[in-house]
Each structure stands twice: as structure tokens, then as C-alpha cells.
Amino acid sequence: MCERDDLARWARTGLTRRGFGAGALAGAAMACAPVEGDMAERGGAEVQRRDVSFRTPDGTLDGEFYFLASQAHPGVVLWPDIAGIRPAKREMARRLAAAGYAVLLANPYYRDVAGQQFEDFPSFAGSGGFQKVQPWRGRFTTQTKQIDNRACAQWLMTQAEVDGDRGIGVQGYCMTGSHAVVAPGADEHIHAGASFHGGGLVTDNASSPHRTLREDAHYLIAIAQNDDEEDPDAKTALRQAADAVNTTAEIEVYPADHGWCVLDSPAYDEVQAERAWARLLALYADAL
């Protein structure tokens, strides 16, 4: 839904960092900070971070790597939404690392640009962000998404901070929800895919993401209520596809709007975001 009416509406209403982003992100970051239990279970270790880059068949993929140095943990690829790597996504990566995962926050636009392009979602929405990223997004196909997930998984498996005996998880939001759905079909090390208010999961194409589900993987597909209203048949197609290959898939429509999981989104819903976060941790506990 990001590419439809919401961007224009948010821009028209003058949504800016001053009006939403700075204050809301500060408050949301409190909710997203590692809870005491997370840190206590890891012996009080602090999350560390380093910038990374590595080759793929299509170029040099850049990102940020978050981890606890105390021991090796299961690897996770976190694909940001349409506004890319930025403070809100860093907060989410840090929180996941504090919960015991080695997290690669990957740049989906690496074929065209490197690093952060927008400060937050409101600045993206109000400054022609969609027009800027549209040609970058035009490079995405099921094949390129699988190329990128495979490269990320292979990179993670070479890192000392990643437990190579465990599976890898992939999660995506909005635009990259489909990245997560196709991920287990890209590499045998990827055991779980989690899509949050993802777009384009069900299409008429032979390579539609819902047709790539893998039998021995685990999936979490959290659908926004307004996305479901617009395409009510998608959840049924996803369920049928999962049942057809006898895979483990939790597919649910949440009582929240598109973007509800993202800290700096105008649709951010803390209650439902925390519920989705809990389901994510349950998915990874089962699959990785």
C-alpha cells in the first residue's frame, strides 16, 4: 500500500519529522529497546554493530551487522521497508540482536545506492521518496530477491558471530515482505520467512511468492486489515499454497493498518506491533 494513496495523503497533511518522526520515533524506540530479561539472559552483554559489505552476482550489497559478542547466535536477515535503512530499522535490528540473534540489516537498493537514503518514513513520504526509489524497486523480481537472500545467507554462515549449526531467518516489511516469503526457497540454510504487512505476496505470475513456499520451512505472514480489505482472496491463496506443500505457516490478518510494525510509520500500532514481534520470536525459536 505504500505506493498508493497513503504517501500522497501523508504528504498533503504536512507530515514531517517535526510533526511525527522525531517525537514518535523517540517514544517508539523506548518500546523497542531490549527489555531487561533479554539482556539478563545473555549475561548483560551489549549489542555490537559494524558496517559490512559483500559481493553478490549483481554487485556489492551493503548493510549493518548487529550481534552479541558473547557467543554465536542464529543469523537473521532484516530487510527494511520502502524507505530503506534508517534509525527506526536500526532500533529493530538492535532489539532482535539483544534477543539472541545475529542480525544483518540489509540494503535492498544496493544495485543503485549504498547506505541510508532517508532519515525516517515521514521525510520519505513528504519529499518524493516513492518517485526516487521507483526505478530501484523496478529491479526486484522473485529471482533477484532469491539471489540477494542466498548471498546474505552465505555471508552470514561465514561469520564467527553466527551459529552455523542453526538455521537462518529472514524478515521483511511492506515492500520486502515478499523478500522474506521467497527466502527459504533461495537457500537451504534459510529455515524461516516472516512477512509483515507485505505487498505482492500473491500475483498471477508463475513466480509469485506464494508459489515458492518450501515444505520444510516455517512462515509467518502477518497481513494488515486494510490490505486484506483490498485483496481478501490473498490470505486464502496463501493458506492453500502452504497446505499444498504441507509447510508450517501462520497466516493472520491483524487489526491494524499497513505499516503498523514500523516504528516511524504513521500507522505504527504499538500493541499490535508487540504482538507481531512476539510471534516473530516464537517463529525463530521453533525454526532456528
C-alpha atoms as a PDB file:
ATOM      1  CA  MET A   1       0.000   0.000   0.000  1.00  0.00           C
ATOM      2  CA  CYS A   2       2.932   2.397   0.404  1.00  0.00           C
ATOM      3  CA  GLU A   3       2.841   3.246  -3.272  1.00  0.00           C
ATOM      4  CA  ARG A   4      -0.812   4.154  -3.356  1.00  0.00           C
ATOM      5  CA  ASP A   5      -2.877   6.789  -1.572  1.00  0.00           C
ATOM      6  CA  ASP A   6      -1.098   6.844   1.783  1.00  0.00           C
ATOM      7  CA  LEU A   7       2.034   8.644   0.581  1.00  0.00           C
ATOM      8  CA  ALA A   8       0.044  11.420  -1.040  1.00  0.00           C
ATOM      9  CA  ARG A   9      -2.209  11.768   1.992  1.00  0.00           C
ATOM     10  CA  TRP A  10       0.701  11.933   4.444  1.00  0.00           C
ATOM     11  CA  ALA A  11       2.469  14.495   2.272  1.00  0.00           C
ATOM     12  CA  ARG A  12      -0.680  16.634   1.925  1.00  0.00           C
ATOM     13  CA  THR A  13      -1.188  16.733   5.675  1.00  0.00           C
ATOM     14  CA  GLY A  14       2.331  18.069   6.175  1.00  0.00           C
ATOM     15  CA  LEU A  15       3.729  15.014   7.921  1.00  0.00           C
ATOM     16  CA  THR A  16       7.357  15.753   8.778  1.00  0.00           C
ATOM     17  CA  ARG A  17       9.951  14.681  11.325  1.00  0.00           C
ATOM     18  CA  ARG A  18       8.931  17.702  13.397  1.00  0.00           C
ATOM     19  CA  GLY A  19       5.267  16.719  13.274  1.00  0.00           C
ATOM     20  CA  PHE A  20       5.664  12.988  13.651  1.00  0.00           C
ATOM     21  CA  GLY A  21       9.012  11.377  13.050  1.00  0.00           C
ATOM     22  CA  ALA A  22      11.300  12.713  15.766  1.00  0.00           C
ATOM     23  CA  GLY A  23       8.896  12.542  18.687  1.00  0.00           C
ATOM     24  CA  ALA A  24       7.175   9.346  17.682  1.00  0.00           C
ATOM     25  CA  LEU A  25      10.427   7.562  16.953  1.00  0.00           C
ATOM     26  CA  ALA A  26      11.805   8.558  20.331  1.00  0.00           C
ATOM     27  CA  GLY A  27       8.754   7.131  22.067  1.00  0.00           C
ATOM     28  CA  ALA A  28       8.620   4.045  19.889  1.00  0.00           C
ATOM     29  CA  ALA A  29      12.300   3.373  20.461  1.00  0.00           C
ATOM     30  CA  MET A  30      11.523   3.027  24.159  1.00  0.00           C
ATOM     31  CA  ALA A  31       9.057   0.294  23.318  1.00  0.00           C
ATOM     32  CA  CYS A  32      11.581  -1.330  21.005  1.00  0.00           C
ATOM     33  CA  ALA A  33      14.513  -1.190  23.400  1.00  0.00           C
ATOM     34  CA  PRO A  34      15.816  -4.501  24.752  1.00  0.00           C
ATOM     35  CA  VAL A  35      13.866  -5.498  27.831  1.00  0.00           C
ATOM     36  CA  GLU A  36      15.791  -6.376  30.982  1.00  0.00           C
ATOM     37  CA  GLY A  37      15.072 -10.066  30.508  1.00  0.00           C
ATOM     38  CA  ASP A  38      16.709 -10.062  27.096  1.00  0.00           C
ATOM     39  CA  MET A  39      19.939  -8.682  28.460  1.00  0.00           C
ATOM     40  CA  ALA A  40      19.886 -10.718  31.665  1.00  0.00           C
ATOM     41  CA  GLU A  41      19.573 -13.963  29.726  1.00  0.00           C
ATOM     42  CA  ARG A  42      22.650 -13.006  27.718  1.00  0.00           C
ATOM     43  CA  GLY A  43      24.720 -12.139  30.776  1.00  0.00           C
ATOM     44  CA  GLY A  44      24.280  -8.396  30.352  1.00  0.00           C
ATOM     45  CA  ALA A  45      26.147  -8.376  27.023  1.00  0.00           C
ATOM     46  CA  GLU A  46      25.767  -5.283  24.880  1.00  0.00           C
ATOM     47  CA  VAL A  47      24.733  -5.290  21.252  1.00  0.00           C
ATOM     48  CA  GLN A  48      27.626  -4.519  18.925  1.00  0.00           C
ATOM     49  CA  ARG A  49      27.427  -3.185  15.385  1.00  0.00           C
ATOM     50  CA  ARG A  50      29.624  -2.972  12.321  1.00  0.00           C
ATOM     51  CA  ASP A  51      29.162  -1.821   8.734  1.00  0.00           C
ATOM     52  CA  VAL A  52      29.511  -4.638   6.230  1.00  0.00           C
ATOM     53  CA  SER A  53      29.569  -5.244   2.501  1.00  0.00           C
ATOM     54  CA  PHE A  54      29.992  -8.318   0.333  1.00  0.00           C
ATOM     55  CA  ARG A  55      29.692  -9.361  -3.271  1.00  0.00           C
ATOM     56  CA  THR A  56      26.575 -10.784  -4.886  1.00  0.00           C
ATOM     57  CA  PRO A  57      26.155 -11.810  -8.545  1.00  0.00           C
ATOM     58  CA  ASP A  58      24.663  -8.328  -9.122  1.00  0.00           C
ATOM     59  CA  GLY A  59      27.035  -6.058  -7.218  1.00  0.00           C
ATOM     60  CA  THR A  60      28.184  -5.199  -3.699  1.00  0.00           C
ATOM     61  CA  LEU A  61      25.485  -5.492  -1.051  1.00  0.00           C
ATOM     62  CA  ASP A  62      25.961  -3.218   1.934  1.00  0.00           C
ATOM     63  CA  GLY A  63      24.345  -3.281   5.343  1.00  0.00           C
ATOM     64  CA  GLU A  64      24.835  -3.205   9.080  1.00  0.00           C
ATOM     65  CA  PHE A  65      25.510  -6.211  11.310  1.00  0.00           C
ATOM     66  CA  TYR A  66      24.192  -6.346  14.890  1.00  0.00           C
ATOM     67  CA  PHE A  67      25.233  -9.056  17.330  1.00  0.00           C
ATOM     68  CA  LEU A  68      26.151 -10.071  20.848  1.00  0.00           C
ATOM     69  CA  ALA A  69      29.833 -10.941  21.030  1.00  0.00           C
ATOM     70  CA  SER A  70      29.423 -13.310  23.966  1.00  0.00           C
ATOM     71  CA  GLN A  71      28.724 -16.338  21.755  1.00  0.00           C
ATOM     72  CA  ALA A  72      27.458 -17.336  18.324  1.00  0.00           C
ATOM     73  CA  HIS A  73      23.723 -16.960  17.630  1.00  0.00           C
ATOM     74  CA  PRO A  74      21.343 -17.862  14.787  1.00  0.00           C
ATOM     75  CA  GLY A  75      21.598 -15.499  11.844  1.00  0.00           C
ATOM     76  CA  VAL A  76      18.742 -13.295  10.639  1.00  0.00           C
ATOM     77  CA  VAL A  77      18.365 -11.086   7.578  1.00  0.00           C
ATOM     78  CA  LEU A  78      16.234  -7.996   8.223  1.00  0.00           C
ATOM     79  CA  TRP A  79      15.054  -6.305   5.033  1.00  0.00           C
ATOM     80  CA  PRO A  80      13.763  -2.764   5.654  1.00  0.00           C
ATOM     81  CA  ASP A  81      10.628  -1.378   4.068  1.00  0.00           C
ATOM     82  CA  ILE A  82      10.436   1.008   1.122  1.00  0.00           C
ATOM     83  CA  ALA A  83      12.251   3.827   2.968  1.00  0.00           C
ATOM     84  CA  GLY A  84      15.335   1.658   3.472  1.00  0.00           C
ATOM     85  CA  ILE A  85      17.936   1.593   6.221  1.00  0.00           C
ATOM     86  CA  ARG A  86      17.374   4.352   8.788  1.00  0.00           C
ATOM     87  CA  PRO A  87      17.193   4.861  12.577  1.00  0.00           C
ATOM     88  CA  ALA A  88      13.834   3.100  13.006  1.00  0.00           C
ATOM     89  CA  LYS A  89      15.140  -0.055  11.362  1.00  0.00           C
ATOM     90  CA  ARG A  90      18.370   0.120  13.351  1.00  0.00           C
ATOM     91  CA  GLU A  91      16.332   0.113  16.555  1.00  0.00           C
ATOM     92  CA  MET A  92      14.514  -3.008  15.396  1.00  0.00           C
ATOM     93  CA  ALA A  93      17.783  -4.735  14.468  1.00  0.00           C
ATOM     94  CA  ARG A  94      19.316  -3.900  17.847  1.00  0.00           C
ATOM     95  CA  ARG A  95      16.319  -5.269  19.673  1.00  0.00           C
ATOM     96  CA  LEU A  96      16.428  -8.519  17.755  1.00  0.00           C
ATOM     97  CA  ALA A  97      20.163  -8.856  18.374  1.00  0.00           C
ATOM     98  CA  ALA A  98      19.586  -8.324  22.099  1.00  0.00           C
ATOM     99  CA  ALA A  99      17.103 -11.203  21.996  1.00  0.00           C
ATOM    100  CA  GLY A 100      19.874 -13.526  20.835  1.00  0.00           C
ATOM    101  CA  TYR A 101      20.217 -13.248  17.060  1.00  0.00           C
ATOM    102  CA  ALA A 102      22.998 -12.106  14.747  1.00  0.00           C
ATOM    103  CA  VAL A 103      21.174  -9.622  12.534  1.00  0.00           C
ATOM    104  CA  LEU A 104      22.121  -8.386   9.088  1.00  0.00           C
ATOM    105  CA  LEU A 105      20.193  -5.195   8.289  1.00  0.00           C
ATOM    106  CA  ALA A 106      20.498  -5.368   4.516  1.00  0.00           C
ATOM    107  CA  ASN A 107      20.164  -2.617   1.922  1.00  0.00           C
ATOM    108  CA  PRO A 108      17.618  -3.782  -0.672  1.00  0.00           C
ATOM    109  CA  TYR A 109      18.645  -0.983  -3.063  1.00  0.00           C
ATOM    110  CA  TYR A 110      22.335  -1.879  -3.237  1.00  0.00           C
ATOM    111  CA  ARG A 111      22.249  -2.222  -7.030  1.00  0.00           C
ATOM    112  CA  ASP A 112      21.764   1.552  -7.251  1.00  0.00           C
ATOM    113  CA  VAL A 113      22.772   3.223  -3.979  1.00  0.00           C
ATOM    114  CA  ALA A 114      24.587   2.451  -0.735  1.00  0.00           C
ATOM    115  CA  GLY A 115      23.644   3.259   2.836  1.00  0.00           C
ATOM    116  CA  GLN A 116      20.861   5.389   4.276  1.00  0.00           C
ATOM    117  CA  GLN A 117      18.834   7.480   1.833  1.00  0.00           C
ATOM    118  CA  PHE A 118      16.073   8.855   4.118  1.00  0.00           C
ATOM    119  CA  GLU A 119      16.060   9.975   7.730  1.00  0.00           C
ATOM    120  CA  ASP A 120      12.667   8.468   8.505  1.00  0.00           C
ATOM    121  CA  PHE A 121       9.404   7.470   6.899  1.00  0.00           C
ATOM    122  CA  PRO A 122       7.735  10.893   7.138  1.00  0.00           C
ATOM    123  CA  SER A 123      10.629  12.545   5.305  1.00  0.00           C
ATOM    124  CA  PHE A 124      10.404   9.793   2.682  1.00  0.00           C
ATOM    125  CA  ALA A 125       6.669  10.356   2.239  1.00  0.00           C
ATOM    126  CA  GLY A 126       6.894  14.130   2.108  1.00  0.00           C
ATOM    127  CA  SER A 127       9.866  14.587  -0.211  1.00  0.00           C
ATOM    128  CA  GLY A 128       9.088  12.495  -3.268  1.00  0.00           C
ATOM    129  CA  GLY A 129      10.625   9.351  -1.845  1.00  0.00           C
ATOM    130  CA  PHE A 130       8.477   6.978  -3.823  1.00  0.00           C
ATOM    131  CA  GLN A 131       9.440   8.585  -7.116  1.00  0.00           C
ATOM    132  CA  LYS A 132      13.096   8.361  -6.116  1.00  0.00           C
ATOM    133  CA  VAL A 133      13.029   4.661  -5.261  1.00  0.00           C
ATOM    134  CA  GLN A 134      10.681   3.560  -8.029  1.00  0.00           C
ATOM    135  CA  PRO A 135      13.454   2.734 -10.528  1.00  0.00           C
ATOM    136  CA  TRP A 136      15.414   0.945  -7.791  1.00  0.00           C
ATOM    137  CA  ARG A 137      12.380  -1.159  -6.940  1.00  0.00           C
ATOM    138  CA  GLY A 138      11.922  -1.897 -10.614  1.00  0.00           C
ATOM    139  CA  ARG A 139      14.886  -4.255 -10.394  1.00  0.00           C
ATOM    140  CA  PHE A 140      13.092  -6.568  -7.963  1.00  0.00           C
ATOM    141  CA  THR A 141      11.895  -9.922  -9.247  1.00  0.00           C
ATOM    142  CA  THR A 142      11.481 -13.235  -7.493  1.00  0.00           C
ATOM    143  CA  GLN A 143      14.828 -14.204  -8.995  1.00  0.00           C
ATOM    144  CA  THR A 144      16.698 -11.118  -7.738  1.00  0.00           C
ATOM    145  CA  LYS A 145      15.141 -11.498  -4.288  1.00  0.00           C
ATOM    146  CA  GLN A 146      16.351 -15.075  -4.141  1.00  0.00           C
ATOM    147  CA  ILE A 147      19.803 -14.053  -5.373  1.00  0.00           C
ATOM    148  CA  ASP A 148      20.016 -11.483  -2.590  1.00  0.00           C
ATOM    149  CA  ASN A 149      18.721 -13.807   0.131  1.00  0.00           C
ATOM    150  CA  ARG A 150      21.139 -16.520  -0.930  1.00  0.00           C
ATOM    151  CA  ALA A 151      24.064 -14.086  -0.839  1.00  0.00           C
ATOM    152  CA  CYS A 152      23.027 -12.829   2.606  1.00  0.00           C
ATOM    153  CA  ALA A 153      22.652 -16.359   3.957  1.00  0.00           C
ATOM    154  CA  GLN A 154      26.029 -17.416   2.598  1.00  0.00           C
ATOM    155  CA  TRP A 155      27.669 -14.325   4.092  1.00  0.00           C
ATOM    156  CA  LEU A 156      26.062 -14.917   7.484  1.00  0.00           C
ATOM    157  CA  MET A 157      27.240 -18.513   7.537  1.00  0.00           C
ATOM    158  CA  THR A 158      30.862 -17.325   7.295  1.00  0.00           C
ATOM    159  CA  GLN A 159      30.644 -15.008  10.306  1.00  0.00           C
ATOM    160  CA  ALA A 160      32.095 -16.075  13.665  1.00  0.00           C
ATOM    161  CA  GLU A 161      29.119 -14.461  15.428  1.00  0.00           C
ATOM    162  CA  VAL A 162      26.661 -16.768  13.615  1.00  0.00           C
ATOM    163  CA  ASP A 163      25.939 -20.296  14.826  1.00  0.00           C
ATOM    164  CA  GLY A 164      26.417 -22.285  11.643  1.00  0.00           C
ATOM    165  CA  ASP A 165      24.611 -25.296  13.096  1.00  0.00           C
ATOM    166  CA  ARG A 166      21.366 -23.335  13.293  1.00  0.00           C
ATOM    167  CA  GLY A 167      19.084 -22.137  10.528  1.00  0.00           C
ATOM    168  CA  ILE A 168      18.772 -18.569   9.267  1.00  0.00           C
ATOM    169  CA  GLY A 169      15.619 -16.444   9.421  1.00  0.00           C
ATOM    170  CA  VAL A 170      14.549 -13.691   7.028  1.00  0.00           C
ATOM    171  CA  GLN A 171      12.030 -10.966   7.805  1.00  0.00           C
ATOM    172  CA  GLY A 172      10.637  -8.200   5.619  1.00  0.00           C
ATOM    173  CA  TYR A 173       8.210  -5.324   5.885  1.00  0.00           C
ATOM    174  CA  CYS A 174       5.891  -3.795   3.301  1.00  0.00           C
ATOM    175  CA  MET A 175       7.795  -3.872   0.037  1.00  0.00           C
ATOM    176  CA  THR A 176      10.195  -6.533   1.365  1.00  0.00           C
ATOM    177  CA  GLY A 177       7.567  -8.817   2.819  1.00  0.00           C
ATOM    178  CA  SER A 178       7.887 -10.778  -0.399  1.00  0.00           C
ATOM    179  CA  HIS A 179      11.672 -10.953   0.077  1.00  0.00           C
ATOM    180  CA  ALA A 180      11.017 -12.931   3.246  1.00  0.00           C
ATOM    181  CA  VAL A 181       8.421 -15.219   1.686  1.00  0.00           C
ATOM    182  CA  VAL A 182      10.687 -16.301  -1.184  1.00  0.00           C
ATOM    183  CA  ALA A 183      13.782 -16.563   1.043  1.00  0.00           C
ATOM    184  CA  PRO A 184      13.508 -20.204   2.200  1.00  0.00           C
ATOM    185  CA  GLY A 185      13.282 -21.259  -1.429  1.00  0.00           C
ATOM    186  CA  ALA A 186      16.568 -19.486  -2.151  1.00  0.00           C
ATOM    187  CA  ASP A 187      18.956 -21.327   0.166  1.00  0.00           C
ATOM    188  CA  GLU A 188      18.801 -24.464   2.284  1.00  0.00           C
ATOM    189  CA  HIS A 189      20.228 -22.615   5.287  1.00  0.00           C
ATOM    190  CA  ILE A 190      17.174 -20.315   5.420  1.00  0.00           C
ATOM    191  CA  HIS A 191      14.602 -22.054   7.600  1.00  0.00           C
ATOM    192  CA  ALA A 192      12.099 -19.263   8.265  1.00  0.00           C
ATOM    193  CA  GLY A 193      10.462 -16.345   6.462  1.00  0.00           C
ATOM    194  CA  ALA A 194       8.416 -13.643   8.198  1.00  0.00           C
ATOM    195  CA  SER A 195       6.389 -11.077   6.245  1.00  0.00           C
ATOM    196  CA  PHE A 196       4.774  -8.107   7.985  1.00  0.00           C
ATOM    197  CA  HIS A 197       2.153  -6.145   6.004  1.00  0.00           C
ATOM    198  CA  GLY A 198       3.927  -7.398   2.913  1.00  0.00           C
ATOM    199  CA  GLY A 199       2.865  -6.437  -0.586  1.00  0.00           C
ATOM    200  CA  GLY A 200       2.750  -8.542  -3.727  1.00  0.00           C
ATOM    201  CA  LEU A 201       2.710 -11.909  -1.982  1.00  0.00           C
ATOM    202  CA  VAL A 202       0.053 -13.285  -4.312  1.00  0.00           C
ATOM    203  CA  THR A 203       0.139 -12.459  -8.016  1.00  0.00           C
ATOM    204  CA  ASP A 204      -0.859 -14.141 -11.261  1.00  0.00           C
ATOM    205  CA  ASN A 205       2.766 -14.731 -12.235  1.00  0.00           C
ATOM    206  CA  ALA A 206       4.189 -18.223 -12.316  1.00  0.00           C
ATOM    207  CA  SER A 207       6.932 -16.979  -9.970  1.00  0.00           C
ATOM    208  CA  SER A 208       4.535 -15.374  -7.483  1.00  0.00           C
ATOM    209  CA  PRO A 209       5.983 -15.500  -3.941  1.00  0.00           C
ATOM    210  CA  HIS A 210       3.161 -17.707  -2.681  1.00  0.00           C
ATOM    211  CA  ARG A 211       4.224 -20.337  -5.209  1.00  0.00           C
ATOM    212  CA  THR A 212       7.761 -20.533  -3.769  1.00  0.00           C
ATOM    213  CA  LEU A 213       6.859 -21.915  -0.321  1.00  0.00           C
ATOM    214  CA  ARG A 214       9.107 -24.758   0.827  1.00  0.00           C
ATOM    215  CA  GLU A 215       7.865 -27.817   2.650  1.00  0.00           C
ATOM    216  CA  ASP A 216      10.483 -27.945   5.389  1.00  0.00           C
ATOM    217  CA  ALA A 217      10.460 -24.212   6.194  1.00  0.00           C
ATOM    218  CA  HIS A 218       8.436 -22.104   8.647  1.00  0.00           C
ATOM    219  CA  TYR A 219       6.488 -18.992   7.678  1.00  0.00           C
ATOM    220  CA  LEU A 220       4.820 -16.117   9.485  1.00  0.00           C
ATOM    221  CA  ILE A 221       2.619 -13.935   7.290  1.00  0.00           C
ATOM    222  CA  ALA A 222       1.041 -11.022   9.165  1.00  0.00           C
ATOM    223  CA  ILE A 223      -1.457  -9.144   6.979  1.00  0.00           C
ATOM    224  CA  ALA A 224      -2.748  -5.603   7.540  1.00  0.00           C
ATOM    225  CA  GLN A 225      -6.503  -5.232   7.821  1.00  0.00           C
ATOM    226  CA  ASN A 226      -6.708  -2.618   5.059  1.00  0.00           C
ATOM    227  CA  ASP A 227      -4.553  -4.732   2.753  1.00  0.00           C
ATOM    228  CA  ASP A 228      -6.930  -7.606   3.398  1.00  0.00           C
ATOM    229  CA  GLU A 229      -9.922  -5.403   2.623  1.00  0.00           C
ATOM    230  CA  GLU A 230      -8.352  -4.538  -0.720  1.00  0.00           C
ATOM    231  CA  ASP A 231      -7.410  -8.120  -1.595  1.00  0.00           C
ATOM    232  CA  PRO A 232      -9.424 -10.505   0.600  1.00  0.00           C
ATOM    233  CA  ASP A 233      -8.548 -13.529  -1.536  1.00  0.00           C
ATOM    234  CA  ALA A 234      -4.802 -13.250  -0.892  1.00  0.00           C
ATOM    235  CA  LYS A 235      -4.902 -14.874   2.539  1.00  0.00           C
ATOM    236  CA  THR A 236      -6.864 -17.795   1.114  1.00  0.00           C
ATOM    237  CA  ALA A 237      -4.369 -18.274  -1.710  1.00  0.00           C
ATOM    238  CA  LEU A 238      -1.504 -18.181   0.791  1.00  0.00           C
ATOM    239  CA  ARG A 239      -3.216 -20.753   3.000  1.00  0.00           C
ATOM    240  CA  GLN A 240      -3.908 -23.025   0.062  1.00  0.00           C
ATOM    241  CA  ALA A 241      -0.311 -22.727  -1.144  1.00  0.00           C
ATOM    242  CA  ALA A 242       1.028 -23.586   2.307  1.00  0.00           C
ATOM    243  CA  ASP A 243      -1.295 -26.563   2.646  1.00  0.00           C
ATOM    244  CA  ALA A 244      -0.401 -27.781  -0.844  1.00  0.00           C
ATOM    245  CA  VAL A 245       3.249 -28.244   0.120  1.00  0.00           C
ATOM    246  CA  ASN A 246       2.438 -29.207   3.723  1.00  0.00           C
ATOM    247  CA  THR A 247       4.564 -26.446   5.201  1.00  0.00           C
ATOM    248  CA  THR A 248       4.270 -24.717   8.574  1.00  0.00           C
ATOM    249  CA  ALA A 249       2.664 -21.302   8.070  1.00  0.00           C
ATOM    250  CA  GLU A 250       0.967 -18.883  10.447  1.00  0.00           C
ATOM    251  CA  ILE A 251      -1.195 -16.600   8.319  1.00  0.00           C
ATOM    252  CA  GLU A 252      -3.274 -13.953  10.076  1.00  0.00           C
ATOM    253  CA  VAL A 253      -4.964 -10.643   9.411  1.00  0.00           C
ATOM    254  CA  TYR A 254      -4.088  -8.192  12.193  1.00  0.00           C
ATOM    255  CA  PRO A 255      -6.498  -5.472  13.386  1.00  0.00           C
ATOM    256  CA  ALA A 256      -4.058  -2.765  12.292  1.00  0.00           C
ATOM    257  CA  ASP A 257      -3.280  -0.874   9.098  1.00  0.00           C
ATOM    258  CA  HIS A 258      -0.461  -1.232   6.601  1.00  0.00           C
ATOM    259  CA  GLY A 259       2.820  -0.227   8.220  1.00  0.00           C
ATOM    260  CA  TRP A 260       1.737  -0.989  11.784  1.00  0.00           C
ATOM    261  CA  CYS A 261       5.001  -2.749  12.735  1.00  0.00           C
ATOM    262  CA  VAL A 262       7.372   0.043  11.681  1.00  0.00           C
ATOM    263  CA  LEU A 263       8.429   2.461  14.390  1.00  0.00           C
ATOM    264  CA  ASP A 264       8.382   5.643  12.316  1.00  0.00           C
ATOM    265  CA  SER A 265       5.286   4.822  10.270  1.00  0.00           C
ATOM    266  CA  PRO A 266       2.153   6.938  10.770  1.00  0.00           C
ATOM    267  CA  ALA A 267       0.287   3.613  11.037  1.00  0.00           C
ATOM    268  CA  TYR A 268       2.517   2.306  13.865  1.00  0.00           C
ATOM    269  CA  ASP A 269       0.376   0.427  16.396  1.00  0.00           C
ATOM    270  CA  GLU A 270       2.401  -0.464  19.479  1.00  0.00           C
ATOM    271  CA  VAL A 271       0.001  -3.101  20.805  1.00  0.00           C
ATOM    272  CA  GLN A 272      -0.263  -4.994  17.533  1.00  0.00           C
ATOM    273  CA  ALA A 273       3.423  -4.429  16.723  1.00  0.00           C
ATOM    274  CA  GLU A 274       4.403  -6.039  20.019  1.00  0.00           C
ATOM    275  CA  ARG A 275       2.058  -8.927  19.316  1.00  0.00           C
ATOM    276  CA  ALA A 276       3.653  -9.427  15.901  1.00  0.00           C
ATOM    277  CA  TRP A 277       7.118  -9.192  17.473  1.00  0.00           C
ATOM    278  CA  ALA A 278       6.234 -11.936  19.937  1.00  0.00           C
ATOM    279  CA  ARG A 279       5.064 -14.164  17.087  1.00  0.00           C
ATOM    280  CA  LEU A 280       8.341 -13.456  15.261  1.00  0.00           C
ATOM    281  CA  LEU A 281      10.376 -14.610  18.263  1.00  0.00           C
ATOM    282  CA  ALA A 282       8.186 -17.706  18.547  1.00  0.00           C
ATOM    283  CA  LEU A 283       8.771 -18.456  14.861  1.00  0.00           C
ATOM    284  CA  TYR A 284      12.520 -18.201  15.239  1.00  0.00           C
ATOM    285  CA  ALA A 285      12.519 -20.255  18.443  1.00  0.00           C
ATOM    286  CA  ASP A 286      10.768 -23.068  16.569  1.00  0.00           C
ATOM    287  CA  ALA A 287      12.614 -22.865  13.264  1.00  0.00           C
ATOM    288  CA  LEU A 288      16.183 -21.792  14.009  1.00  0.00           C
END
